[in-house]
């Protein structure tokens, strides 16, 4: 889960370390402020692409494991504070 205090590190330096691991195929960041999951995938040329799943109706697809998990299950039991999630297309601070 991404917290406000570690998000910059998780997106930057930490991900940089993981990119150096040859066997690493996917790097997943899970927001704790809204139902949003970002998955970085390494393609066959060693380049990374991002897929963003947003909303409880979406599913997280982990191609390296050949599975799909509904965000509704990932965020089960979590109540998001009113006004804390962004409108579609709006970025959170």
PDB file of N, CA and C in Angstrom:
ATOM      1  N   UNK A   1       0.837  -1.182   0.000  1.00  0.00           N
ATOM      2  CA  UNK A   1       0.000   0.000   0.000  1.00  0.00           C
ATOM      3  C   UNK A   1       0.879   1.242   0.000  1.00  0.00           C
ATOM      4  N   UNK A   2       0.497   2.198  -0.780  1.00  0.00           N
ATOM      5  CA  UNK A   2       1.218   3.463  -0.836  1.00  0.00           C
ATOM      6  C   UNK A   2       0.748   4.381   0.290  1.00  0.00           C
ATOM      7  N   UNK A   3       1.672   4.863   1.057  1.00  0.00           N
ATOM      8  CA  UNK A   3       1.329   5.861   2.061  1.00  0.00           C
ATOM      9  C   UNK A   3       1.913   7.195   1.610  1.00  0.00           C
ATOM     10  N   UNK A   4       1.379   8.277   2.158  1.00  0.00           N
ATOM     11  CA  UNK A   4       1.872   9.605   1.780  1.00  0.00           C
ATOM     12  C   UNK A   4       3.361   9.748   2.090  1.00  0.00           C
ATOM     13  N   UNK A   5       3.826   9.085   3.152  1.00  0.00           N
ATOM     14  CA  UNK A   5       5.225   9.244   3.560  1.00  0.00           C
ATOM     15  C   UNK A   5       6.200   8.423   2.719  1.00  0.00           C
ATOM     16  N   UNK A   6       5.744   7.338   2.109  1.00  0.00           N
ATOM     17  CA  UNK A   6       6.671   6.487   1.343  1.00  0.00           C
ATOM     18  C   UNK A   6       6.404   6.490  -0.158  1.00  0.00           C
ATOM     19  N   UNK A   7       5.355   7.168  -0.615  1.00  0.00           N
ATOM     20  CA  UNK A   7       4.982   7.094  -2.024  1.00  0.00           C
ATOM     21  C   UNK A   7       6.099   7.541  -2.964  1.00  0.00           C
ATOM     22  N   UNK A   8       6.753   8.638  -2.668  1.00  0.00           N
ATOM     23  CA  UNK A   8       7.826   9.124  -3.545  1.00  0.00           C
ATOM     24  C   UNK A   8       8.953   8.096  -3.641  1.00  0.00           C
ATOM     25  N   UNK A   9       9.324   7.489  -2.519  1.00  0.00           N
ATOM     26  CA  UNK A   9      10.375   6.466  -2.517  1.00  0.00           C
ATOM     27  C   UNK A   9       9.922   5.233  -3.300  1.00  0.00           C
ATOM     28  N   UNK A  10       8.671   4.789  -3.081  1.00  0.00           N
ATOM     29  CA  UNK A  10       8.158   3.603  -3.771  1.00  0.00           C
ATOM     30  C   UNK A  10       8.128   3.800  -5.283  1.00  0.00           C
ATOM     31  N   UNK A  11       7.811   5.005  -5.723  1.00  0.00           N
ATOM     32  CA  UNK A  11       7.739   5.301  -7.155  1.00  0.00           C
ATOM     33  C   UNK A  11       9.116   5.576  -7.760  1.00  0.00           C
ATOM     34  N   UNK A  12      10.039   6.010  -6.946  1.00  0.00           N
ATOM     35  CA  UNK A  12      11.352   6.410  -7.445  1.00  0.00           C
ATOM     36  C   UNK A  12      12.454   5.421  -7.162  1.00  0.00           C
ATOM     37  N   UNK A  13      13.177   5.662  -6.088  1.00  0.00           N
ATOM     38  CA  UNK A  13      14.391   4.887  -5.770  1.00  0.00           C
ATOM     39  C   UNK A  13      14.110   3.388  -5.607  1.00  0.00           C
ATOM     40  N   UNK A  14      13.042   3.046  -4.904  1.00  0.00           N
ATOM     41  CA  UNK A  14      12.723   1.631  -4.677  1.00  0.00           C
ATOM     42  C   UNK A  14      12.449   0.921  -6.010  1.00  0.00           C
ATOM     43  N   UNK A  15      11.650   1.563  -6.867  1.00  0.00           N
ATOM     44  CA  UNK A  15      11.360   0.973  -8.173  1.00  0.00           C
ATOM     45  C   UNK A  15      12.633   0.865  -9.005  1.00  0.00           C
ATOM     46  N   UNK A  16      13.526   1.827  -8.854  1.00  0.00           N
ATOM     47  CA  UNK A  16      14.808   1.783  -9.554  1.00  0.00           C
ATOM     48  C   UNK A  16      15.592   0.520  -9.169  1.00  0.00           C
ATOM     49  N   UNK A  17      15.613   0.193  -7.881  1.00  0.00           N
ATOM     50  CA  UNK A  17      16.289  -1.030  -7.421  1.00  0.00           C
ATOM     51  C   UNK A  17      15.650  -2.270  -8.045  1.00  0.00           C
ATOM     52  N   UNK A  18      14.319  -2.334  -8.035  1.00  0.00           N
ATOM     53  CA  UNK A  18      13.623  -3.498  -8.587  1.00  0.00           C
ATOM     54  C   UNK A  18      13.833  -3.640 -10.088  1.00  0.00           C
ATOM     55  N   UNK A  19      13.947  -2.537 -10.800  1.00  0.00           N
ATOM     56  CA  UNK A  19      14.175  -2.612 -12.253  1.00  0.00           C
ATOM     57  C   UNK A  19      15.485  -3.303 -12.575  1.00  0.00           C
ATOM     58  N   UNK A  20      16.436  -3.280 -11.647  1.00  0.00           N
ATOM     59  CA  UNK A  20      17.721  -3.946 -11.854  1.00  0.00           C
ATOM     60  C   UNK A  20      17.663  -5.456 -11.640  1.00  0.00           C
ATOM     61  N   UNK A  21      16.557  -5.960 -11.115  1.00  0.00           N
ATOM     62  CA  UNK A  21      16.389  -7.397 -10.897  1.00  0.00           C
ATOM     63  C   UNK A  21      15.871  -7.998 -12.200  1.00  0.00           C
ATOM     64  N   UNK A  22      16.693  -8.782 -12.857  1.00  0.00           N
ATOM     65  CA  UNK A  22      16.359  -9.308 -14.190  1.00  0.00           C
ATOM     66  C   UNK A  22      15.070 -10.131 -14.206  1.00  0.00           C
ATOM     67  N   UNK A  23      14.780 -10.842 -13.130  1.00  0.00           N
ATOM     68  CA  UNK A  23      13.595 -11.695 -13.100  1.00  0.00           C
ATOM     69  C   UNK A  23      12.311 -10.940 -12.755  1.00  0.00           C
ATOM     70  N   UNK A  24      12.423  -9.678 -12.337  1.00  0.00           N
ATOM     71  CA  UNK A  24      11.240  -8.878 -11.976  1.00  0.00           C
ATOM     72  C   UNK A  24      10.448  -8.551 -13.232  1.00  0.00           C
ATOM     73  N   UNK A  25       9.199  -8.961 -13.268  1.00  0.00           N
ATOM     74  CA  UNK A  25       8.352  -8.733 -14.432  1.00  0.00           C
ATOM     75  C   UNK A  25       7.268  -7.692 -14.185  1.00  0.00           C
ATOM     76  N   UNK A  26       6.780  -7.608 -12.937  1.00  0.00           N
ATOM     77  CA  UNK A  26       5.720  -6.657 -12.618  1.00  0.00           C
ATOM     78  C   UNK A  26       6.000  -6.014 -11.260  1.00  0.00           C
ATOM     79  N   UNK A  27       5.641  -4.731 -11.167  1.00  0.00           N
ATOM     80  CA  UNK A  27       5.810  -3.954  -9.938  1.00  0.00           C
ATOM     81  C   UNK A  27       4.471  -3.274  -9.709  1.00  0.00           C
ATOM     82  N   UNK A  28       3.838  -3.541  -8.570  1.00  0.00           N
ATOM     83  CA  UNK A  28       2.472  -3.095  -8.324  1.00  0.00           C
ATOM     84  C   UNK A  28       2.442  -2.077  -7.187  1.00  0.00           C
ATOM     85  N   UNK A  29       1.754  -0.957  -7.439  1.00  0.00           N
ATOM     86  CA  UNK A  29       1.559   0.079  -6.424  1.00  0.00           C
ATOM     87  C   UNK A  29       0.063   0.175  -6.130  1.00  0.00           C
ATOM     88  N   UNK A  30      -0.298   0.034  -4.861  1.00  0.00           N
ATOM     89  CA  UNK A  30      -1.696   0.033  -4.427  1.00  0.00           C
ATOM     90  C   UNK A  30      -1.960   1.292  -3.611  1.00  0.00           C
ATOM     91  N   UNK A  31      -2.888   2.103  -4.056  1.00  0.00           N
ATOM     92  CA  UNK A  31      -3.237   3.327  -3.344  1.00  0.00           C
ATOM     93  C   UNK A  31      -4.047   2.980  -2.105  1.00  0.00           C
ATOM     94  N   UNK A  32      -3.798   3.692  -1.021  1.00  0.00           N
ATOM     95  CA  UNK A  32      -4.608   3.501   0.176  1.00  0.00           C
ATOM     96  C   UNK A  32      -5.624   4.632   0.325  1.00  0.00           C
ATOM     97  N   UNK A  33      -5.585   5.616  -0.579  1.00  0.00           N
ATOM     98  CA  UNK A  33      -6.498   6.755  -0.502  1.00  0.00           C
ATOM     99  C   UNK A  33      -7.707   6.626  -1.407  1.00  0.00           C
ATOM    100  N   UNK A  34      -7.582   5.788  -2.436  1.00  0.00           N
ATOM    101  CA  UNK A  34      -8.677   5.583  -3.380  1.00  0.00           C
ATOM    102  C   UNK A  34      -8.457   4.238  -4.074  1.00  0.00           C
ATOM    103  N   UNK A  35      -9.503   3.654  -4.653  1.00  0.00           N
ATOM    104  CA  UNK A  35      -9.338   2.351  -5.311  1.00  0.00           C
ATOM    105  C   UNK A  35      -8.625   2.476  -6.655  1.00  0.00           C
ATOM    106  N   UNK A  36      -7.301   2.571  -6.577  1.00  0.00           N
ATOM    107  CA  UNK A  36      -6.461   2.707  -7.764  1.00  0.00           C
ATOM    108  C   UNK A  36      -5.215   1.840  -7.582  1.00  0.00           C
ATOM    109  N   UNK A  37      -4.925   1.033  -8.585  1.00  0.00           N
ATOM    110  CA  UNK A  37      -3.731   0.194  -8.566  1.00  0.00           C
ATOM    111  C   UNK A  37      -2.979   0.403  -9.877  1.00  0.00           C
ATOM    112  N   UNK A  38      -1.680   0.669  -9.761  1.00  0.00           N
ATOM    113  CA  UNK A  38      -0.830   0.845 -10.923  1.00  0.00           C
ATOM    114  C   UNK A  38       0.100  -0.362 -11.024  1.00  0.00           C
ATOM    115  N   UNK A  39       0.173  -0.933 -12.203  1.00  0.00           N
ATOM    116  CA  UNK A  39       1.047  -2.078 -12.446  1.00  0.00           C
ATOM    117  C   UNK A  39       2.046  -1.712 -13.530  1.00  0.00           C
ATOM    118  N   UNK A  40       3.317  -1.803 -13.181  1.00  0.00           N
ATOM    119  CA  UNK A  40       4.391  -1.590 -14.142  1.00  0.00           C
ATOM    120  C   UNK A  40       4.827  -2.963 -14.628  1.00  0.00           C
ATOM    121  N   UNK A  41       4.860  -3.157 -15.960  1.00  0.00           N
ATOM    122  CA  UNK A  41       5.238  -4.438 -16.555  1.00  0.00           C
ATOM    123  C   UNK A  41       6.429  -4.269 -17.469  1.00  0.00           C
ATOM    124  N   UNK A  42       7.349  -5.229 -17.370  1.00  0.00           N
ATOM    125  CA  UNK A  42       8.503  -5.251 -18.270  1.00  0.00           C
ATOM    126  C   UNK A  42       8.103  -6.017 -19.531  1.00  0.00           C
ATOM    127  N   UNK A  43       8.361  -5.406 -20.686  1.00  0.00           N
ATOM    128  CA  UNK A  43       8.041  -6.109 -21.935  1.00  0.00           C
ATOM    129  C   UNK A  43       9.245  -6.935 -22.391  1.00  0.00           C
ATOM    130  N   UNK A  44       9.115  -7.583 -23.506  1.00  0.00           N
ATOM    131  CA  UNK A  44      10.170  -8.448 -24.020  1.00  0.00           C
ATOM    132  C   UNK A  44      11.462  -7.730 -24.386  1.00  0.00           C
ATOM    133  N   UNK A  45      11.412  -6.407 -24.478  1.00  0.00           N
ATOM    134  CA  UNK A  45      12.593  -5.614 -24.810  1.00  0.00           C
ATOM    135  C   UNK A  45      13.203  -4.967 -23.578  1.00  0.00           C
ATOM    136  N   UNK A  46      12.686  -5.326 -22.388  1.00  0.00           N
ATOM    137  CA  UNK A  46      13.223  -4.773 -21.149  1.00  0.00           C
ATOM    138  C   UNK A  46      12.684  -3.406 -20.787  1.00  0.00           C
ATOM    139  N   UNK A  47      11.714  -2.910 -21.545  1.00  0.00           N
ATOM    140  CA  UNK A  47      11.106  -1.613 -21.250  1.00  0.00           C
ATOM    141  C   UNK A  47       9.898  -1.806 -20.342  1.00  0.00           C
ATOM    142  N   UNK A  48       9.616  -0.777 -19.524  1.00  0.00           N
ATOM    143  CA  UNK A  48       8.506  -0.851 -18.580  1.00  0.00           C
ATOM    144  C   UNK A  48       7.325  -0.034 -19.095  1.00  0.00           C
ATOM    145  N   UNK A  49       6.134  -0.605 -18.984  1.00  0.00           N
ATOM    146  CA  UNK A  49       4.890   0.076 -19.342  1.00  0.00           C
ATOM    147  C   UNK A  49       3.984   0.054 -18.113  1.00  0.00           C
ATOM    148  N   UNK A  50       3.096   1.011 -18.021  1.00  0.00           N
ATOM    149  CA  UNK A  50       2.201   1.101 -16.878  1.00  0.00           C
ATOM    150  C   UNK A  50       0.757   0.825 -17.292  1.00  0.00           C
ATOM    151  N   UNK A  51       0.042   0.113 -16.421  1.00  0.00           N
ATOM    152  CA  UNK A  51      -1.400  -0.093 -16.563  1.00  0.00           C
ATOM    153  C   UNK A  51      -2.032   0.371 -15.260  1.00  0.00           C
ATOM    154  N   UNK A  52      -3.079   1.185 -15.363  1.00  0.00           N
ATOM    155  CA  UNK A  52      -3.749   1.702 -14.180  1.00  0.00           C
ATOM    156  C   UNK A  52      -5.169   1.176 -14.130  1.00  0.00           C
ATOM    157  N   UNK A  53      -5.522   0.569 -13.017  1.00  0.00           N
ATOM    158  CA  UNK A  53      -6.890   0.091 -12.790  1.00  0.00           C
ATOM    159  C   UNK A  53      -7.509   1.012 -11.756  1.00  0.00           C
ATOM    160  N   UNK A  54      -8.680   1.547 -12.059  1.00  0.00           N
ATOM    161  CA  UNK A  54      -9.316   2.541 -11.197  1.00  0.00           C
ATOM    162  C   UNK A  54     -10.777   2.169 -10.951  1.00  0.00           C
ATOM    163  N   UNK A  55     -11.180   2.183  -9.683  1.00  0.00           N
ATOM    164  CA  UNK A  55     -12.571   1.919  -9.331  1.00  0.00           C
ATOM    165  C   UNK A  55     -12.778   0.484  -8.876  1.00  0.00           C
ATOM    166  N   UNK A  56     -13.752   0.314  -8.009  1.00  0.00           N
ATOM    167  CA  UNK A  56     -13.997  -1.009  -7.432  1.00  0.00           C
ATOM    168  C   UNK A  56     -14.529  -2.017  -8.438  1.00  0.00           C
ATOM    169  N   UNK A  57     -14.977  -1.558  -9.598  1.00  0.00           N
ATOM    170  CA  UNK A  57     -15.472  -2.480 -10.626  1.00  0.00           C
ATOM    171  C   UNK A  57     -14.340  -3.028 -11.497  1.00  0.00           C
ATOM    172  N   UNK A  58     -13.143  -2.476 -11.355  1.00  0.00           N
ATOM    173  CA  UNK A  58     -11.982  -2.903 -12.154  1.00  0.00           C
ATOM    174  C   UNK A  58     -11.326  -4.141 -11.543  1.00  0.00           C
ATOM    175  N   UNK A  59     -10.404  -4.725 -12.277  1.00  0.00           N
ATOM    176  CA  UNK A  59      -9.645  -5.891 -11.803  1.00  0.00           C
ATOM    177  C   UNK A  59      -8.158  -5.680 -12.040  1.00  0.00           C
ATOM    178  N   UNK A  60      -7.362  -6.147 -11.105  1.00  0.00           N
ATOM    179  CA  UNK A  60      -5.909  -6.142 -11.231  1.00  0.00           C
ATOM    180  C   UNK A  60      -5.507  -7.383 -12.012  1.00  0.00           C
ATOM    181  N   UNK A  61      -4.768  -7.182 -13.091  1.00  0.00           N
ATOM    182  CA  UNK A  61      -4.303  -8.308 -13.900  1.00  0.00           C
ATOM    183  C   UNK A  61      -2.807  -8.471 -13.682  1.00  0.00           C
ATOM    184  N   UNK A  62      -2.422  -9.620 -13.177  1.00  0.00           N
ATOM    185  CA  UNK A  62      -1.003  -9.935 -13.003  1.00  0.00           C
ATOM    186  C   UNK A  62      -0.644 -10.975 -14.061  1.00  0.00           C
ATOM    187  N   UNK A  63      -0.056 -10.498 -15.143  1.00  0.00           N
ATOM    188  CA  UNK A  63       0.265 -11.380 -16.269  1.00  0.00           C
ATOM    189  C   UNK A  63       1.324 -12.407 -15.899  1.00  0.00           C
ATOM    190  N   UNK A  64       2.259 -12.028 -15.018  1.00  0.00           N
ATOM    191  CA  UNK A  64       3.324 -12.954 -14.638  1.00  0.00           C
ATOM    192  C   UNK A  64       2.785 -14.162 -13.886  1.00  0.00           C
ATOM    193  N   UNK A  65       1.632 -14.013 -13.250  1.00  0.00           N
ATOM    194  CA  UNK A  65       1.011 -15.117 -12.504  1.00  0.00           C
ATOM    195  C   UNK A  65      -0.235 -15.652 -13.195  1.00  0.00           C
ATOM    196  N   UNK A  66      -0.613 -14.995 -14.309  1.00  0.00           N
ATOM    197  CA  UNK A  66      -1.803 -15.372 -15.055  1.00  0.00           C
ATOM    198  C   UNK A  66      -3.055 -15.368 -14.173  1.00  0.00           C
ATOM    199  N   UNK A  67      -3.227 -14.266 -13.402  1.00  0.00           N
ATOM    200  CA  UNK A  67      -4.407 -14.140 -12.549  1.00  0.00           C
ATOM    201  C   UNK A  67      -4.998 -12.737 -12.681  1.00  0.00           C
ATOM    202  N   UNK A  68      -6.248 -12.643 -12.276  1.00  0.00           N
ATOM    203  CA  UNK A  68      -6.957 -11.373 -12.237  1.00  0.00           C
ATOM    204  C   UNK A  68      -7.702 -11.313 -10.902  1.00  0.00           C
ATOM    205  N   UNK A  69      -7.564 -10.188 -10.192  1.00  0.00           N
ATOM    206  CA  UNK A  69      -8.187 -10.035  -8.880  1.00  0.00           C
ATOM    207  C   UNK A  69      -9.039  -8.771  -8.893  1.00  0.00           C
ATOM    208  N   UNK A  70     -10.334  -8.873  -8.600  1.00  0.00           N
ATOM    209  CA  UNK A  70     -11.171  -7.676  -8.563  1.00  0.00           C
ATOM    210  C   UNK A  70     -10.697  -6.700  -7.488  1.00  0.00           C
ATOM    211  N   UNK A  71     -10.679  -5.412  -7.827  1.00  0.00           N
ATOM    212  CA  UNK A  71     -10.318  -4.401  -6.830  1.00  0.00           C
ATOM    213  C   UNK A  71     -11.290  -4.434  -5.663  1.00  0.00           C
ATOM    214  N   UNK A  72     -12.533  -4.843  -5.918  1.00  0.00           N
ATOM    215  CA  UNK A  72     -13.514  -4.978  -4.849  1.00  0.00           C
ATOM    216  C   UNK A  72     -13.012  -5.938  -3.774  1.00  0.00           C
ATOM    217  N   UNK A  73     -12.327  -7.008  -4.183  1.00  0.00           N
ATOM    218  CA  UNK A  73     -11.763  -7.962  -3.218  1.00  0.00           C
ATOM    219  C   UNK A  73     -10.515  -7.402  -2.534  1.00  0.00           C
ATOM    220  N   UNK A  74      -9.694  -6.700  -3.283  1.00  0.00           N
ATOM    221  CA  UNK A  74      -8.474  -6.135  -2.711  1.00  0.00           C
ATOM    222  C   UNK A  74      -8.804  -5.097  -1.653  1.00  0.00           C
ATOM    223  N   UNK A  75      -9.813  -4.285  -1.914  1.00  0.00           N
ATOM    224  CA  UNK A  75     -10.196  -3.214  -1.000  1.00  0.00           C
ATOM    225  C   UNK A  75     -11.349  -3.610  -0.073  1.00  0.00           C
ATOM    226  N   UNK A  76     -11.625  -4.893   0.039  1.00  0.00           N
ATOM    227  CA  UNK A  76     -12.709  -5.376   0.893  1.00  0.00           C
ATOM    228  C   UNK A  76     -12.537  -4.867   2.327  1.00  0.00           C
ATOM    229  N   UNK A  77     -13.574  -4.270   2.870  1.00  0.00           N
ATOM    230  CA  UNK A  77     -13.540  -3.799   4.245  1.00  0.00           C
ATOM    231  C   UNK A  77     -12.953  -2.405   4.421  1.00  0.00           C
ATOM    232  N   UNK A  78     -12.530  -1.778   3.332  1.00  0.00           N
ATOM    233  CA  UNK A  78     -11.952  -0.441   3.431  1.00  0.00           C
ATOM    234  C   UNK A  78     -12.997   0.585   3.040  1.00  0.00           C
ATOM    235  N   UNK A  79     -13.219   1.532   3.934  1.00  0.00           N
ATOM    236  CA  UNK A  79     -14.143   2.633   3.657  1.00  0.00           C
ATOM    237  C   UNK A  79     -13.303   3.866   3.339  1.00  0.00           C
ATOM    238  N   UNK A  80     -13.506   4.419   2.166  1.00  0.00           N
ATOM    239  CA  UNK A  80     -12.774   5.608   1.766  1.00  0.00           C
ATOM    240  C   UNK A  80     -13.504   6.831   2.302  1.00  0.00           C
ATOM    241  N   UNK A  81     -12.769   7.764   2.913  1.00  0.00           N
ATOM    242  CA  UNK A  81     -13.404   8.967   3.452  1.00  0.00           C
ATOM    243  C   UNK A  81     -14.080   9.768   2.350  1.00  0.00           C
ATOM    244  N   UNK A  82     -15.253  10.350   2.646  1.00  0.00           N
ATOM    245  CA  UNK A  82     -15.919  11.161   1.622  1.00  0.00           C
ATOM    246  C   UNK A  82     -15.034  12.342   1.224  1.00  0.00           C
ATOM    247  N   UNK A  83     -15.034  12.640  -0.059  1.00  0.00           N
ATOM    248  CA  UNK A  83     -14.263  13.771  -0.548  1.00  0.00           C
ATOM    249  C   UNK A  83     -12.780  13.499  -0.681  1.00  0.00           C
ATOM    250  N   UNK A  84     -12.318  12.289  -0.346  1.00  0.00           N
ATOM    251  CA  UNK A  84     -10.894  11.985  -0.420  1.00  0.00           C
ATOM    252  C   UNK A  84     -10.504  11.342  -1.742  1.00  0.00           C
ATOM    253  N   UNK A  85     -11.488  10.924  -2.525  1.00  0.00           N
ATOM    254  CA  UNK A  85     -11.143  10.308  -3.800  1.00  0.00           C
ATOM    255  C   UNK A  85     -11.401  11.310  -4.917  1.00  0.00           C
ATOM    256  N   UNK A  86     -10.683  11.159  -5.985  1.00  0.00           N
ATOM    257  CA  UNK A  86     -10.749  12.076  -7.098  1.00  0.00           C
ATOM    258  C   UNK A  86     -11.915  11.724  -8.015  1.00  0.00           C
ATOM    259  N   UNK A  87     -12.392  12.710  -8.701  1.00  0.00           N
ATOM    260  CA  UNK A  87     -13.374  12.481  -9.762  1.00  0.00           C
ATOM    261  C   UNK A  87     -12.613  11.876 -10.940  1.00  0.00           C
ATOM    262  N   UNK A  88     -13.318  11.174 -11.838  1.00  0.00           N
ATOM    263  CA  UNK A  88     -12.625  10.612 -12.991  1.00  0.00           C
ATOM    264  C   UNK A  88     -11.820  11.681 -13.731  1.00  0.00           C
ATOM    265  N   UNK A  89     -10.571  11.390 -13.995  1.00  0.00           N
ATOM    266  CA  UNK A  89      -9.690  12.302 -14.698  1.00  0.00           C
ATOM    267  C   UNK A  89      -8.994  13.324 -13.817  1.00  0.00           C
ATOM    268  N   UNK A  90      -9.356  13.379 -12.541  1.00  0.00           N
ATOM    269  CA  UNK A  90      -8.740  14.329 -11.606  1.00  0.00           C
ATOM    270  C   UNK A  90      -7.652  13.635 -10.823  1.00  0.00           C
ATOM    271  N   UNK A  91      -6.528  14.301 -10.630  1.00  0.00           N
ATOM    272  CA  UNK A  91      -5.425  13.737  -9.872  1.00  0.00           C
ATOM    273  C   UNK A  91      -5.525  14.159  -8.414  1.00  0.00           C
ATOM    274  N   UNK A  92      -5.192  13.252  -7.521  1.00  0.00           N
ATOM    275  CA  UNK A  92      -5.139  13.569  -6.100  1.00  0.00           C
ATOM    276  C   UNK A  92      -3.818  14.229  -5.791  1.00  0.00           C
ATOM    277  N   UNK A  93      -3.812  15.100  -4.766  1.00  0.00           N
ATOM    278  CA  UNK A  93      -2.532  15.734  -4.381  1.00  0.00           C
ATOM    279  C   UNK A  93      -1.573  14.724  -3.816  1.00  0.00           C
TER     280      UNK A  93
END
